[in-house]
Amino acid sequence: MLIANQNPDHGKPLDPVDANMLGPSAALEVERFLQKREGHKATPLVSLPQLAGALRVSSIHMKDEGHRLGLGSFKALGGAYAVIRLIVEEASKQLGREIDIADFNSPDVRNVASQFTVACATDGNHGRSVAQGAQLIGARCVIFVHSGVSDERVAAIARYGARIVHVAGNYDDSVAEAAQVAEKNAWVIVSDTSWPGYERIPGLVMQGYTALLSETLKEIPQAPTHVFVQAGVGGIAAAAAAYFSEVLGDKRPYFVVVDPSKAACLFESARVGRPIKVDHGEPTIMAMLECYEPSLVAWRILSRIADAFMTVEDSEAVDAMKRLAYPLSGDPAIVAGESGGVGLAALSQVARLPELRKQIGLNEQSRVFLINTEGATDPVLYEKIVGRSSDEVSATNAKVAA
């Protein structure tokens, strides 16, 4: 369930490339870009004092990415940012002058973008972000989806003008197919996972995520002592670990990476001490985290910065969704999708077991930070699981405020 990071690299400084890609100066660049995005505003940082009391910690703050840029997921920060950044860089080369990312909507840049095709594989949220970025800047977009991606999520991607290619198999199969077809057609793959020889673009995707972390440290009353972050290929977890490490230094929080038990590629990599691919078995309800091989960039970061790795069961993820939808009196309700509340699921399991509390130093003075990585990105499935719609859950806060 929970293992300490025993990797020989644990505690070592980040590789300079990773520190530069995910540090505070990079976050400022992302923030500057976001100021030009229509509809951009910082997502809520929600305090859950009653839940903190029930779990016997000092505080719980959850960054609610269900409100991010109309996509309902933290992924809105990554894929779209990487697409636009890449096209701006290409425009600078073609035009022979430096173009600022804040000028991504200029006619010159859009003319270059019109000759550009981006592609990726997705479980849903990353593909929506890539498609949205392509639509914003005027590029063509092709998204590869595997058989486990719901019709509702596919339709949400297609609404941004992307061409959808269906792939038999799982997420890793769709990644391989996307890479092969893109190479044949000279398209640019904008993936959130990395492999040998392909690191910079996934790094830019992760760089986009730093915006939510810089927003958090501006608003949170005190820096967290513990962070529980869910992981698929590891992008958001690695971005959070790297950013907090670079900004907070020796005062960085104890960092726990959380996998679905049915797709525990980071947990199993930590167990053996190197990145490995795990077998594909029964699907997990945590569809956005159903990945079977870690990103190499993410692993390089987490092997140094993560302090522990753990798994949660599908039932625990569902319990977390319901716990956020039906909060203790005095706490606000939060709409969290199947993968959104996984950090809370992990915290809840650790908090109830004295031996695990002791292992990670969790106590009544601990300040915990979590990320709700997605809202109800599949509203039909959300209502089926939780028992009421996301609109009804959100409306409870308005009633309380009234």
Protein backbone atom coordinates (compact mmCIF):
# COMPACT_ATOMS: atom_id res chain seq x y z
CA MET A 1 0.00 0.00 0.00
CA LEU A 2 2.74 2.47 0.90
CA ILE A 3 6.50 2.18 0.43
CA ALA A 4 9.27 4.63 1.18
CA ASN A 5 11.46 5.81 -1.68
CA GLN A 6 14.61 3.69 -1.43
CA ASN A 7 16.09 4.80 -4.75
CA PRO A 8 19.81 5.71 -4.50
CA ASP A 9 18.98 9.06 -6.14
CA HIS A 10 16.48 9.99 -3.40
CA GLY A 11 17.45 13.32 -1.87
CA LYS A 12 19.77 14.34 -4.68
CA PRO A 13 19.28 17.72 -6.39
CA LEU A 14 17.23 17.84 -9.55
CA ASP A 15 18.94 17.53 -12.88
CA PRO A 16 19.62 21.16 -13.97
CA VAL A 17 17.43 20.67 -17.05
CA ASP A 18 14.48 19.68 -14.85
CA ALA A 19 15.13 22.45 -12.32
CA ASN A 20 15.14 25.02 -15.11
CA MET A 21 12.05 23.56 -16.79
CA LEU A 22 9.94 23.40 -13.61
CA GLY A 23 11.32 26.12 -11.33
CA PRO A 24 9.89 29.53 -10.39
CA SER A 25 11.19 31.41 -13.45
CA ALA A 26 9.46 28.90 -15.74
CA ALA A 27 6.24 29.31 -13.77
CA LEU A 28 6.41 33.06 -14.34
CA GLU A 29 6.63 32.46 -18.09
CA VAL A 30 3.53 30.27 -17.95
CA GLU A 31 1.67 32.87 -15.90
CA ARG A 32 2.56 35.57 -18.42
CA PHE A 33 1.15 33.43 -21.21
CA LEU A 34 -2.01 32.66 -19.25
CA GLN A 35 -2.74 36.36 -18.82
CA LYS A 36 -3.43 36.40 -22.58
CA ARG A 37 -5.79 33.42 -22.41
CA GLU A 38 -9.43 34.40 -22.51
CA GLY A 39 -11.23 33.17 -19.43
CA HIS A 40 -8.09 32.64 -17.39
CA LYS A 41 -8.29 33.06 -13.63
CA ALA A 42 -6.72 31.27 -10.72
CA THR A 43 -8.66 28.18 -9.67
CA PRO A 44 -10.00 27.99 -6.10
CA LEU A 45 -7.81 26.83 -3.24
CA VAL A 46 -10.40 25.27 -0.93
CA SER A 47 -9.93 24.83 2.80
CA LEU A 48 -11.55 21.75 4.39
CA PRO A 49 -11.30 22.35 8.16
CA GLN A 50 -13.94 19.82 9.22
CA LEU A 51 -12.37 17.08 7.15
CA ALA A 52 -8.97 18.01 8.58
CA GLY A 53 -10.36 17.55 12.07
CA ALA A 54 -11.87 14.19 11.18
CA LEU A 55 -8.54 12.98 9.79
CA ARG A 56 -6.60 14.45 12.74
CA VAL A 57 -4.40 16.90 10.82
CA SER A 58 -4.06 20.66 11.24
CA SER A 59 -5.36 21.67 7.81
CA ILE A 60 -6.30 20.38 4.38
CA HIS A 61 -6.19 22.62 1.33
CA MET A 62 -7.31 21.34 -2.05
CA LYS A 63 -6.58 23.09 -5.34
CA ASP A 64 -9.77 22.63 -7.38
CA GLU A 65 -8.75 22.24 -11.03
CA GLY A 66 -12.30 21.37 -12.05
CA HIS A 67 -12.64 25.10 -12.80
CA ARG A 68 -9.63 25.42 -15.13
CA LEU A 69 -10.18 27.23 -18.46
CA GLY A 70 -13.44 25.51 -19.31
CA LEU A 71 -11.82 22.07 -19.62
CA GLY A 72 -12.52 20.89 -16.09
CA SER A 73 -9.01 19.56 -15.51
CA PHE A 74 -5.47 20.63 -14.67
CA LYS A 75 -4.53 19.27 -18.12
CA ALA A 76 -5.87 22.54 -19.57
CA LEU A 77 -2.59 24.08 -18.44
CA GLY A 78 -0.25 21.60 -20.13
CA GLY A 79 -1.14 20.49 -23.63
CA ALA A 80 -2.47 23.84 -24.85
CA TYR A 81 0.57 25.67 -23.45
CA ALA A 82 2.98 23.25 -25.13
CA VAL A 83 1.20 23.49 -28.50
CA ILE A 84 1.24 27.27 -28.50
CA ARG A 85 4.80 27.46 -27.21
CA LEU A 86 6.04 25.13 -29.98
CA ILE A 87 4.26 27.04 -32.73
CA VAL A 88 5.51 30.40 -31.45
CA GLU A 89 9.04 28.99 -31.50
CA GLU A 90 8.55 27.76 -35.07
CA ALA A 91 7.18 31.14 -36.10
CA SER A 92 10.25 32.84 -34.63
CA LYS A 93 12.48 30.59 -36.77
CA GLN A 94 10.50 31.09 -39.95
CA LEU A 95 10.13 34.85 -39.56
CA GLY A 96 13.69 35.44 -38.38
CA ARG A 97 12.72 37.39 -35.29
CA GLU A 98 11.87 36.58 -31.70
CA ILE A 99 8.13 36.37 -31.06
CA ASP A 100 6.88 36.50 -27.51
CA ILE A 101 4.51 33.75 -26.41
CA ALA A 102 2.08 36.45 -25.31
CA ASP A 103 1.70 37.37 -29.00
CA PHE A 104 0.54 33.88 -29.98
CA ASN A 105 -2.64 35.23 -31.58
CA SER A 106 -0.92 37.53 -34.08
CA PRO A 107 -1.61 37.02 -37.81
CA ASP A 108 2.01 36.03 -38.48
CA VAL A 109 1.91 33.29 -35.88
CA ARG A 110 -1.49 32.03 -37.01
CA ASN A 111 -0.21 31.81 -40.58
CA VAL A 112 2.62 29.54 -39.44
CA ALA A 113 0.19 27.56 -37.30
CA SER A 114 -2.06 26.87 -40.29
CA GLN A 115 0.72 24.72 -41.76
CA PHE A 116 1.20 22.81 -38.49
CA THR A 117 -0.43 19.55 -37.39
CA VAL A 118 -0.17 18.40 -33.77
CA ALA A 119 -1.17 14.97 -32.51
CA CYS A 120 -1.29 12.98 -29.30
CA ALA A 121 -2.77 9.99 -27.55
CA THR A 122 -5.06 10.61 -24.62
CA ASP A 123 -7.28 9.18 -21.91
CA GLY A 124 -9.42 12.29 -22.37
CA ASN A 125 -8.19 15.38 -20.57
CA HIS A 126 -4.77 15.86 -22.22
CA GLY A 127 -6.31 15.45 -25.66
CA ARG A 128 -8.87 18.14 -24.92
CA SER A 129 -6.10 20.51 -23.92
CA VAL A 130 -4.01 19.82 -27.04
CA ALA A 131 -7.10 20.23 -29.23
CA GLN A 132 -8.02 23.46 -27.50
CA GLY A 133 -4.49 24.84 -27.94
CA ALA A 134 -4.53 23.95 -31.64
CA GLN A 135 -7.90 25.62 -32.12
CA LEU A 136 -6.74 28.75 -30.27
CA ILE A 137 -3.73 29.24 -32.51
CA GLY A 138 -5.18 27.88 -35.76
CA ALA A 139 -3.28 24.59 -36.13
CA ARG A 140 -4.61 21.22 -37.26
CA CYS A 141 -5.00 18.51 -34.65
CA VAL A 142 -5.34 14.70 -34.63
CA ILE A 143 -6.13 12.88 -31.38
CA PHE A 144 -5.72 9.12 -30.85
CA VAL A 145 -8.09 7.54 -28.33
CA HIS A 146 -8.10 3.97 -27.05
CA SER A 147 -11.11 1.78 -26.42
CA GLY A 148 -11.40 2.79 -22.76
CA VAL A 149 -12.09 6.47 -23.48
CA SER A 150 -15.79 7.15 -23.02
CA ASP A 151 -17.98 8.54 -25.80
CA GLU A 152 -18.60 11.66 -23.73
CA ARG A 153 -14.87 12.37 -23.44
CA VAL A 154 -14.31 11.73 -27.15
CA ALA A 155 -17.12 14.15 -28.02
CA ALA A 156 -15.60 16.77 -25.71
CA ILE A 157 -12.32 16.55 -27.65
CA ALA A 158 -14.02 16.65 -31.05
CA ARG A 159 -15.80 19.88 -30.10
CA TYR A 160 -12.44 21.66 -30.42
CA GLY A 161 -12.16 20.66 -34.06
CA ALA A 162 -9.76 17.74 -33.65
CA ARG A 163 -9.85 14.68 -35.89
CA ILE A 164 -10.35 11.56 -33.78
CA VAL A 165 -8.56 8.27 -34.50
CA HIS A 166 -9.76 5.23 -32.56
CA VAL A 167 -7.12 2.68 -31.49
CA ALA A 168 -7.77 -0.85 -30.21
CA GLY A 169 -6.15 -1.58 -26.87
CA ASN A 170 -5.13 0.63 -23.96
CA TYR A 171 -3.46 4.01 -23.46
CA ASP A 172 0.04 2.70 -24.16
CA ASP A 173 -1.19 1.19 -27.44
CA SER A 174 -2.62 4.56 -28.47
CA VAL A 175 0.68 6.29 -27.59
CA ALA A 176 2.58 3.88 -29.86
CA GLU A 177 0.09 4.30 -32.70
CA ALA A 178 0.14 8.08 -32.44
CA ALA A 179 3.93 8.17 -32.57
CA GLN A 180 4.07 5.89 -35.60
CA VAL A 181 1.42 7.74 -37.64
CA ALA A 182 2.79 11.16 -36.69
CA GLU A 183 6.28 10.24 -37.84
CA LYS A 184 4.93 9.00 -41.17
CA ASN A 185 2.98 12.24 -41.74
CA ALA A 186 5.54 14.69 -40.28
CA TRP A 187 3.12 15.75 -37.53
CA VAL A 188 4.37 17.02 -34.18
CA ILE A 189 3.54 14.76 -31.24
CA VAL A 190 2.56 16.70 -28.13
CA SER A 191 2.61 13.97 -25.51
CA ASP A 192 2.41 14.19 -21.74
CA THR A 193 4.69 11.18 -21.41
CA SER A 194 8.34 10.89 -22.43
CA TRP A 195 10.58 8.15 -23.80
CA PRO A 196 14.24 7.95 -24.84
CA GLY A 197 15.00 10.84 -27.19
CA TYR A 198 11.65 12.55 -26.55
CA GLU A 199 11.75 14.72 -23.45
CA ARG A 200 11.48 18.42 -24.22
CA ILE A 201 7.82 18.53 -25.30
CA PRO A 202 6.56 16.51 -22.29
CA GLY A 203 8.71 18.88 -20.23
CA LEU A 204 6.81 21.84 -21.69
CA VAL A 205 3.51 20.12 -20.88
CA MET A 206 4.67 19.71 -17.28
CA GLN A 207 5.90 23.30 -17.24
CA GLY A 208 2.34 24.41 -17.92
CA TYR A 209 1.23 22.68 -14.71
CA THR A 210 3.50 24.91 -12.59
CA ALA A 211 0.89 27.67 -12.82
CA LEU A 212 -1.42 25.87 -10.40
CA LEU A 213 1.46 25.41 -7.96
CA SER A 214 2.60 29.04 -8.04
CA GLU A 215 -1.03 30.09 -7.53
CA THR A 216 -1.20 27.80 -4.51
CA LEU A 217 1.88 29.16 -2.76
CA LYS A 218 0.61 32.72 -3.23
CA GLU A 219 -2.64 31.94 -1.45
CA ILE A 220 -2.06 29.14 1.05
CA PRO A 221 -1.63 30.47 4.63
CA GLN A 222 1.42 28.29 5.34
CA ALA A 223 3.45 26.01 3.13
CA PRO A 224 2.25 22.40 3.34
CA THR A 225 4.09 19.77 5.32
CA HIS A 226 2.61 16.88 3.31
CA VAL A 227 1.48 16.55 -0.31
CA PHE A 228 -0.49 13.63 -1.76
CA VAL A 229 -0.68 13.78 -5.56
CA GLN A 230 -2.10 11.19 -7.94
CA ALA A 231 -0.09 9.96 -10.89
CA GLY A 232 -0.75 8.43 -14.29
CA VAL A 233 2.52 8.64 -16.18
CA GLY A 234 3.70 10.99 -13.43
CA GLY A 235 3.53 14.45 -15.01
CA ILE A 236 1.54 16.40 -12.44
CA ALA A 237 3.22 14.62 -9.54
CA ALA A 238 6.69 15.37 -10.89
CA ALA A 239 5.81 18.99 -11.66
CA ALA A 240 4.53 19.50 -8.12
CA ALA A 241 7.51 17.75 -6.54
CA ALA A 242 10.01 19.71 -8.61
CA TYR A 243 8.34 23.10 -8.13
CA PHE A 244 7.93 22.76 -4.37
CA SER A 245 11.49 21.48 -4.06
CA GLU A 246 12.91 24.40 -6.03
CA VAL A 247 10.85 27.07 -4.25
CA LEU A 248 10.81 25.70 -0.69
CA GLY A 249 14.23 24.01 -0.59
CA ASP A 250 14.91 22.32 2.74
CA LYS A 251 11.39 23.23 3.89
CA ARG A 252 9.74 21.28 1.09
CA PRO A 253 6.83 19.00 2.09
CA TYR A 254 6.87 15.23 2.48
CA PHE A 255 5.72 14.06 -0.94
CA VAL A 256 3.53 10.99 -1.55
CA VAL A 257 2.84 9.77 -5.11
CA VAL A 258 -0.43 7.88 -5.52
CA ASP A 259 -1.28 5.25 -8.17
CA PRO A 260 -4.42 3.23 -8.88
CA SER A 261 -3.73 -0.31 -7.68
CA LYS A 262 -4.71 -1.64 -11.12
CA ALA A 263 -2.27 0.62 -12.98
CA ALA A 264 0.55 1.18 -10.50
CA CYS A 265 3.46 1.89 -12.84
CA LEU A 266 5.19 4.39 -10.56
CA PHE A 267 4.60 2.34 -7.42
CA GLU A 268 6.07 -0.76 -9.05
CA SER A 269 8.95 1.25 -10.53
CA ALA A 270 9.73 2.51 -7.03
CA ARG A 271 9.56 -1.04 -5.72
CA VAL A 272 12.23 -2.30 -8.14
CA GLY A 273 14.23 0.93 -8.30
CA ARG A 274 13.90 1.67 -12.03
CA PRO A 275 11.15 2.64 -14.49
CA ILE A 276 9.23 -0.43 -15.64
CA LYS A 277 6.12 -1.22 -17.63
CA VAL A 278 3.44 -3.08 -15.70
CA ASP A 279 1.01 -5.57 -17.17
CA HIS A 280 -2.35 -4.41 -18.43
CA GLY A 281 -5.12 -6.08 -16.46
CA GLU A 282 -8.62 -5.18 -15.41
CA PRO A 283 -9.46 -1.50 -16.13
CA THR A 284 -9.59 0.94 -13.23
CA ILE A 285 -12.38 3.42 -12.62
CA MET A 286 -9.60 6.04 -12.37
CA ALA A 287 -9.47 6.24 -16.16
CA MET A 288 -7.31 9.38 -16.34
CA LEU A 289 -4.64 7.56 -14.31
CA GLU A 290 -4.77 4.26 -16.17
CA CYS A 291 -1.18 4.24 -17.45
CA TYR A 292 1.18 1.29 -17.43
CA GLU A 293 4.60 2.86 -17.97
CA PRO A 294 6.00 6.02 -16.33
CA SER A 295 7.26 9.03 -18.20
CA LEU A 296 11.06 8.97 -18.06
CA VAL A 297 11.28 12.66 -17.19
CA ALA A 298 8.72 12.22 -14.41
CA TRP A 299 10.55 9.20 -13.05
CA ARG A 300 13.89 11.05 -13.07
CA ILE A 301 12.32 13.77 -10.91
CA LEU A 302 10.26 11.57 -8.61
CA SER A 303 13.09 9.13 -7.93
CA ARG A 304 14.91 12.09 -6.35
CA ILE A 305 12.10 14.12 -4.77
CA ALA A 306 9.19 11.79 -3.92
CA ASP A 307 9.39 10.42 -0.39
CA ALA A 308 6.85 7.61 -0.71
CA PHE A 309 4.69 5.80 -3.25
CA MET A 310 1.32 4.21 -2.57
CA THR A 311 -1.73 2.71 -4.23
CA VAL A 312 -5.47 3.10 -3.74
CA GLU A 313 -8.35 0.87 -4.77
CA ASP A 314 -11.23 1.84 -7.03
CA SER A 315 -13.62 1.74 -4.08
CA GLU A 316 -11.42 4.21 -2.20
CA ALA A 317 -11.45 6.61 -5.16
CA VAL A 318 -15.25 6.43 -5.24
CA ASP A 319 -15.41 7.05 -1.48
CA ALA A 320 -13.29 10.18 -1.96
CA MET A 321 -15.61 11.45 -4.71
CA LYS A 322 -18.58 11.03 -2.41
CA ARG A 323 -16.77 12.48 0.59
CA LEU A 324 -16.15 15.65 -1.42
CA ALA A 325 -19.65 15.74 -2.90
CA TYR A 326 -21.32 15.23 0.51
CA PRO A 327 -18.94 17.12 2.84
CA LEU A 328 -18.99 17.39 6.59
CA SER A 329 -21.08 20.31 7.82
CA GLY A 330 -19.02 23.48 7.50
CA ASP A 331 -16.91 22.33 4.56
CA PRO A 332 -17.75 23.25 0.96
CA ALA A 333 -18.72 20.58 -1.57
CA ILE A 334 -16.24 19.84 -4.36
CA VAL A 335 -17.02 18.15 -7.67
CA ALA A 336 -14.23 15.62 -8.21
CA GLY A 337 -14.16 13.14 -11.08
CA GLU A 338 -13.09 9.52 -10.80
CA SER A 339 -9.40 10.50 -10.80
CA GLY A 340 -9.81 13.90 -9.15
CA GLY A 341 -10.04 12.91 -5.49
CA VAL A 342 -7.36 10.21 -5.47
CA GLY A 343 -5.00 12.28 -3.32
CA LEU A 344 -7.74 12.48 -0.69
CA ALA A 345 -8.32 8.74 -0.99
CA ALA A 346 -4.67 8.16 -0.16
CA LEU A 347 -4.64 10.63 2.73
CA SER A 348 -7.76 9.00 4.18
CA GLN A 349 -6.13 5.57 4.16
CA VAL A 350 -2.91 6.80 5.77
CA ALA A 351 -4.73 8.91 8.35
CA ARG A 352 -6.65 5.96 9.80
CA LEU A 353 -3.60 3.70 10.31
CA PRO A 354 -1.24 4.65 13.17
CA GLU A 355 1.73 2.82 11.65
CA LEU A 356 1.42 4.72 8.37
CA ARG A 357 0.91 8.04 10.14
CA LYS A 358 4.13 7.40 12.02
CA GLN A 359 5.97 6.28 8.89
CA ILE A 360 5.36 9.58 7.06
CA GLY A 361 5.26 11.86 10.09
CA LEU A 362 1.57 12.74 9.74
CA ASN A 363 0.16 14.25 12.95
CA GLU A 364 -2.18 16.87 14.37
CA GLN A 365 0.19 19.66 13.28
CA SER A 366 0.43 18.51 9.65
CA ARG A 367 -0.70 20.80 6.86
CA VAL A 368 -1.83 18.75 3.85
CA PHE A 369 -2.08 19.87 0.24
CA LEU A 370 -4.15 17.98 -2.36
CA ILE A 371 -5.12 18.61 -5.98
CA ASN A 372 -8.55 17.88 -7.36
CA THR A 373 -7.15 17.14 -10.80
CA GLU A 374 -10.51 16.96 -12.58
CA GLY A 375 -14.15 17.81 -12.14
CA ALA A 376 -16.99 15.87 -13.73
CA THR A 377 -15.33 15.48 -17.14
CA ASP A 378 -17.81 12.66 -17.83
CA PRO A 379 -21.01 14.11 -16.28
CA VAL A 380 -23.12 11.01 -16.94
CA LEU A 381 -20.66 8.71 -15.18
CA TYR A 382 -20.21 11.22 -12.35
CA GLU A 383 -23.93 11.30 -11.60
CA LYS A 384 -24.11 7.50 -11.76
CA ILE A 385 -21.31 7.16 -9.18
CA VAL A 386 -22.15 10.00 -6.82
CA GLY A 387 -25.93 9.86 -6.95
CA ARG A 388 -26.53 13.43 -8.05
CA SER A 389 -25.32 15.68 -10.84
CA SER A 390 -22.30 17.92 -10.63
CA ASP A 391 -24.62 20.94 -10.89
CA GLU A 392 -26.56 19.72 -7.86
CA VAL A 393 -23.32 19.25 -5.89
CA SER A 394 -22.12 22.74 -6.80
CA ALA A 395 -25.50 24.21 -5.92
CA THR A 396 -25.18 23.05 -2.31
CA ASN A 397 -22.46 25.65 -1.75
CA ALA A 398 -24.68 28.42 -3.05
CA LYS A 399 -27.47 27.32 -0.69
CA VAL A 400 -25.09 27.33 2.28
CA ALA A 401 -23.80 30.80 1.37
CA ALA A 402 -27.38 32.10 1.09
